[in-house]
């Protein structure tokens, strides 16, 4: 399942690690590069039936804090 991720750097191109979570469980980790311009797509594993709270958490870098 594709999941689009966008990190807004407010004038700074965000680079660094983005962690994708299902609730509190890490299900994917991606690295944003300058070429991504803050946007990327990640393929997520299949989910079991039920409700899932999928979130993305930007880890920050030397110019941006999470």
C-alpha atoms as a PDB file:
ATOM      1  CA  UNK A   1       0.000   0.000   0.000  1.00  0.00           C
ATOM      2  CA  UNK A   2       1.613   3.327  -1.017  1.00  0.00           C
ATOM      3  CA  UNK A   3       1.713   6.086   1.599  1.00  0.00           C
ATOM      4  CA  UNK A   4       2.660   9.644   0.660  1.00  0.00           C
ATOM      5  CA  UNK A   5       4.889  11.571   3.043  1.00  0.00           C
ATOM      6  CA  UNK A   6       5.417  15.341   3.015  1.00  0.00           C
ATOM      7  CA  UNK A   7       7.655  17.289   5.395  1.00  0.00           C
ATOM      8  CA  UNK A   8       7.337  21.086   5.281  1.00  0.00           C
ATOM      9  CA  UNK A   9      10.648  22.762   6.079  1.00  0.00           C
ATOM     10  CA  UNK A  10       9.263  26.339   6.021  1.00  0.00           C
ATOM     11  CA  UNK A  11      11.838  27.547   3.490  1.00  0.00           C
ATOM     12  CA  UNK A  12      14.471  24.881   4.270  1.00  0.00           C
ATOM     13  CA  UNK A  13      14.612  21.655   2.246  1.00  0.00           C
ATOM     14  CA  UNK A  14      14.071  18.882   4.814  1.00  0.00           C
ATOM     15  CA  UNK A  15      16.507  15.967   4.774  1.00  0.00           C
ATOM     16  CA  UNK A  16      16.839  13.081   7.177  1.00  0.00           C
ATOM     17  CA  UNK A  17      14.947  10.155   8.567  1.00  0.00           C
ATOM     18  CA  UNK A  18      11.170   9.781   8.628  1.00  0.00           C
ATOM     19  CA  UNK A  19       9.673   6.980  10.703  1.00  0.00           C
ATOM     20  CA  UNK A  20       6.260   5.582   9.759  1.00  0.00           C
ATOM     21  CA  UNK A  21       4.256   4.208  12.665  1.00  0.00           C
ATOM     22  CA  UNK A  22       1.090   2.190  13.118  1.00  0.00           C
ATOM     23  CA  UNK A  23       0.124   3.375  16.557  1.00  0.00           C
ATOM     24  CA  UNK A  24       3.417   3.002  18.453  1.00  0.00           C
ATOM     25  CA  UNK A  25       4.874   0.267  16.222  1.00  0.00           C
ATOM     26  CA  UNK A  26       7.468   1.264  13.619  1.00  0.00           C
ATOM     27  CA  UNK A  27       6.430  -0.190  10.269  1.00  0.00           C
ATOM     28  CA  UNK A  28       8.812   1.652   7.921  1.00  0.00           C
ATOM     29  CA  UNK A  29      11.713   4.077   7.902  1.00  0.00           C
ATOM     30  CA  UNK A  30      12.720   6.253   4.964  1.00  0.00           C
ATOM     31  CA  UNK A  31      15.414   8.832   4.371  1.00  0.00           C
ATOM     32  CA  UNK A  32      14.565  12.144   2.708  1.00  0.00           C
ATOM     33  CA  UNK A  33      17.282  13.612   0.502  1.00  0.00           C
ATOM     34  CA  UNK A  34      17.493  17.152  -0.868  1.00  0.00           C
ATOM     35  CA  UNK A  35      16.336  15.782  -4.241  1.00  0.00           C
ATOM     36  CA  UNK A  36      13.052  14.640  -2.635  1.00  0.00           C
ATOM     37  CA  UNK A  37      12.145  18.275  -1.811  1.00  0.00           C
ATOM     38  CA  UNK A  38      10.343  17.071   1.320  1.00  0.00           C
ATOM     39  CA  UNK A  39       8.094  14.573  -0.490  1.00  0.00           C
ATOM     40  CA  UNK A  40       8.303  10.855  -1.016  1.00  0.00           C
ATOM     41  CA  UNK A  41       6.191   7.728  -1.160  1.00  0.00           C
ATOM     42  CA  UNK A  42       6.761   4.590   0.878  1.00  0.00           C
ATOM     43  CA  UNK A  43       5.174   1.178   0.398  1.00  0.00           C
ATOM     44  CA  UNK A  44       3.688  -0.117   3.618  1.00  0.00           C
ATOM     45  CA  UNK A  45       3.105  -3.732   4.609  1.00  0.00           C
ATOM     46  CA  UNK A  46      -0.365  -5.211   4.456  1.00  0.00           C
ATOM     47  CA  UNK A  47      -2.453  -4.441   7.517  1.00  0.00           C
ATOM     48  CA  UNK A  48      -4.597  -6.841   9.491  1.00  0.00           C
ATOM     49  CA  UNK A  49      -8.287  -5.992   9.592  1.00  0.00           C
ATOM     50  CA  UNK A  50      -9.239  -3.220  11.964  1.00  0.00           C
ATOM     51  CA  UNK A  51      -8.467   0.403  12.660  1.00  0.00           C
ATOM     52  CA  UNK A  52      -4.906   1.637  12.193  1.00  0.00           C
ATOM     53  CA  UNK A  53      -3.490   5.027  13.170  1.00  0.00           C
ATOM     54  CA  UNK A  54      -0.698   5.557  10.637  1.00  0.00           C
ATOM     55  CA  UNK A  55       1.566   8.543  11.282  1.00  0.00           C
ATOM     56  CA  UNK A  56       4.897   9.829  10.025  1.00  0.00           C
ATOM     57  CA  UNK A  57       7.495  11.305  12.384  1.00  0.00           C
ATOM     58  CA  UNK A  58      10.351  13.446  11.027  1.00  0.00           C
ATOM     59  CA  UNK A  59      13.542  12.942  13.015  1.00  0.00           C
ATOM     60  CA  UNK A  60      14.971  16.376  12.231  1.00  0.00           C
ATOM     61  CA  UNK A  61      18.405  17.417  11.027  1.00  0.00           C
ATOM     62  CA  UNK A  62      20.953  20.151  11.724  1.00  0.00           C
ATOM     63  CA  UNK A  63      18.621  22.831  10.274  1.00  0.00           C
ATOM     64  CA  UNK A  64      15.202  21.542  11.343  1.00  0.00           C
ATOM     65  CA  UNK A  65      13.948  20.116  14.611  1.00  0.00           C
ATOM     66  CA  UNK A  66      11.127  17.580  14.770  1.00  0.00           C
END
